[in-house]
C-alpha atoms as a PDB file:
ATOM      1  CA  UNK A   1     149.246 116.726 157.658  1.00  0.00           C
ATOM      2  CA  UNK A   2     146.934 114.290 159.048  1.00  0.00           C
ATOM      3  CA  UNK A   3     145.019 111.827 156.859  1.00  0.00           C
ATOM      4  CA  UNK A   4     141.545 112.934 158.784  1.00  0.00           C
ATOM      5  CA  UNK A   5     142.415 116.630 156.945  1.00  0.00           C
ATOM      6  CA  UNK A   6     143.136 115.174 153.761  1.00  0.00           C
ATOM      7  CA  UNK A   7     139.704 113.164 154.086  1.00  0.00           C
ATOM      8  CA  UNK A   8     137.704 116.582 155.196  1.00  0.00           C
ATOM      9  CA  UNK A   9     139.176 118.352 152.220  1.00  0.00           C
ATOM     10  CA  UNK A  10     138.499 115.750 149.477  1.00  0.00           C
ATOM     11  CA  UNK A  11     134.610 115.191 151.200  1.00  0.00           C
ATOM     12  CA  UNK A  12     134.166 119.103 150.920  1.00  0.00           C
ATOM     13  CA  UNK A  13     135.346 119.650 147.604  1.00  0.00           C
ATOM     14  CA  UNK A  14     133.444 116.456 146.451  1.00  0.00           C
ATOM     15  CA  UNK A  15     130.237 116.092 148.252  1.00  0.00           C
ATOM     16  CA  UNK A  16     128.348 112.721 148.136  1.00  0.00           C
ATOM     17  CA  UNK A  17     132.090 110.932 147.953  1.00  0.00           C
ATOM     18  CA  UNK A  18     133.092 108.029 149.977  1.00  0.00           C
ATOM     19  CA  UNK A  19     136.600 108.755 151.334  1.00  0.00           C
ATOM     20  CA  UNK A  20     138.992 106.841 153.183  1.00  0.00           C
ATOM     21  CA  UNK A  21     142.905 108.007 153.653  1.00  0.00           C
ATOM     22  CA  UNK A  22     145.503 106.316 155.344  1.00  0.00           C
ATOM     23  CA  UNK A  23     149.006 107.523 155.871  1.00  0.00           C
ATOM     24  CA  UNK A  24     152.089 108.609 157.952  1.00  0.00           C
ATOM     25  CA  UNK A  25     152.029 112.387 157.684  1.00  0.00           C
ATOM     26  CA  UNK A  26     154.106 112.611 154.443  1.00  0.00           C
ATOM     27  CA  UNK A  27     152.828 109.541 152.345  1.00  0.00           C
ATOM     28  CA  UNK A  28     149.237 108.783 152.306  1.00  0.00           C
ATOM     29  CA  UNK A  29     146.749 106.678 150.392  1.00  0.00           C
ATOM     30  CA  UNK A  30     143.281 107.435 149.544  1.00  0.00           C
ATOM     31  CA  UNK A  31     140.310 105.242 148.235  1.00  0.00           C
ATOM     32  CA  UNK A  32     137.517 107.551 146.895  1.00  0.00           C
ATOM     33  CA  UNK A  33     134.195 106.354 145.843  1.00  0.00           C
ATOM     34  CA  UNK A  34     132.499 109.202 143.950  1.00  0.00           C
ATOM     35  CA  UNK A  35     129.658 109.369 141.142  1.00  0.00           C
ATOM     36  CA  UNK A  36     131.804 112.392 140.282  1.00  0.00           C
ATOM     37  CA  UNK A  37     133.901 109.941 138.442  1.00  0.00           C
ATOM     38  CA  UNK A  38     131.459 108.330 136.193  1.00  0.00           C
ATOM     39  CA  UNK A  39     132.646 108.945 132.560  1.00  0.00           C
ATOM     40  CA  UNK A  40     136.182 110.101 133.325  1.00  0.00           C
ATOM     41  CA  UNK A  41     139.403 108.535 132.783  1.00  0.00           C
ATOM     42  CA  UNK A  42     141.868 107.495 135.582  1.00  0.00           C
ATOM     43  CA  UNK A  43     143.914 110.851 134.706  1.00  0.00           C
ATOM     44  CA  UNK A  44     140.790 113.130 134.936  1.00  0.00           C
ATOM     45  CA  UNK A  45     139.825 111.491 138.274  1.00  0.00           C
ATOM     46  CA  UNK A  46     143.241 111.969 139.932  1.00  0.00           C
ATOM     47  CA  UNK A  47     143.132 115.476 138.381  1.00  0.00           C
ATOM     48  CA  UNK A  48     139.942 116.432 140.219  1.00  0.00           C
ATOM     49  CA  UNK A  49     141.241 115.106 143.412  1.00  0.00           C
ATOM     50  CA  UNK A  50     144.498 117.083 142.869  1.00  0.00           C
ATOM     51  CA  UNK A  51     142.329 120.257 142.245  1.00  0.00           C
ATOM     52  CA  UNK A  52     140.347 119.744 145.309  1.00  0.00           C
ATOM     53  CA  UNK A  53     143.601 119.349 147.404  1.00  0.00           C
ATOM     54  CA  UNK A  54     145.193 122.466 145.789  1.00  0.00           C
ATOM     55  CA  UNK A  55     148.286 123.852 147.312  1.00  0.00           C
ATOM     56  CA  UNK A  56     148.295 120.991 149.879  1.00  0.00           C
ATOM     57  CA  UNK A  57     149.531 118.913 147.049  1.00  0.00           C
ATOM     58  CA  UNK A  58     152.373 121.131 146.352  1.00  0.00           C
ATOM     59  CA  UNK A  59     153.196 122.121 150.241  1.00  0.00           C
ATOM     60  CA  UNK A  60     152.094 119.516 152.631  1.00  0.00           C
ATOM     61  CA  UNK A  61     151.687 116.417 150.872  1.00  0.00           C
ATOM     62  CA  UNK A  62     154.923 114.460 149.779  1.00  0.00           C
ATOM     63  CA  UNK A  63     153.073 111.495 148.168  1.00  0.00           C
ATOM     64  CA  UNK A  64     149.644 110.405 147.616  1.00  0.00           C
ATOM     65  CA  UNK A  65     148.379 107.092 146.206  1.00  0.00           C
ATOM     66  CA  UNK A  66     144.828 107.403 144.629  1.00  0.00           C
ATOM     67  CA  UNK A  67     142.434 104.585 144.214  1.00  0.00           C
ATOM     68  CA  UNK A  68     139.367 105.990 142.523  1.00  0.00           C
ATOM     69  CA  UNK A  69     136.066 104.244 141.830  1.00  0.00           C
ATOM     70  CA  UNK A  70     132.638 104.962 140.404  1.00  0.00           C
ATOM     71  CA  UNK A  71     129.811 103.588 143.083  1.00  0.00           C
ATOM     72  CA  UNK A  72     129.352 100.657 140.281  1.00  0.00           C
ATOM     73  CA  UNK A  73     132.938 100.027 140.050  1.00  0.00           C
ATOM     74  CA  UNK A  74     133.032  99.871 143.872  1.00  0.00           C
ATOM     75  CA  UNK A  75     129.857  97.353 144.163  1.00  0.00           C
ATOM     76  CA  UNK A  76     131.767  95.062 142.175  1.00  0.00           C
ATOM     77  CA  UNK A  77     135.168  94.848 143.933  1.00  0.00           C
ATOM     78  CA  UNK A  78     134.270  95.161 147.738  1.00  0.00           C
END
């Protein structure tokens, strides 16, 4: 699977999000900034992303490291 494909899937499933994905074809790291994450726990944020990726998480993505931020959190760390 290509990082660009994962990025497109997340952006389509979470409109308005800023997404950056890097990886080697089986192991990936994604940084996602989204207002959708407001008021959600880390687990809930990850579950949202896994839901968007659907079957790809079971069949095509071996490992995915997620860093999920609200826009306010992102402004503080960038």
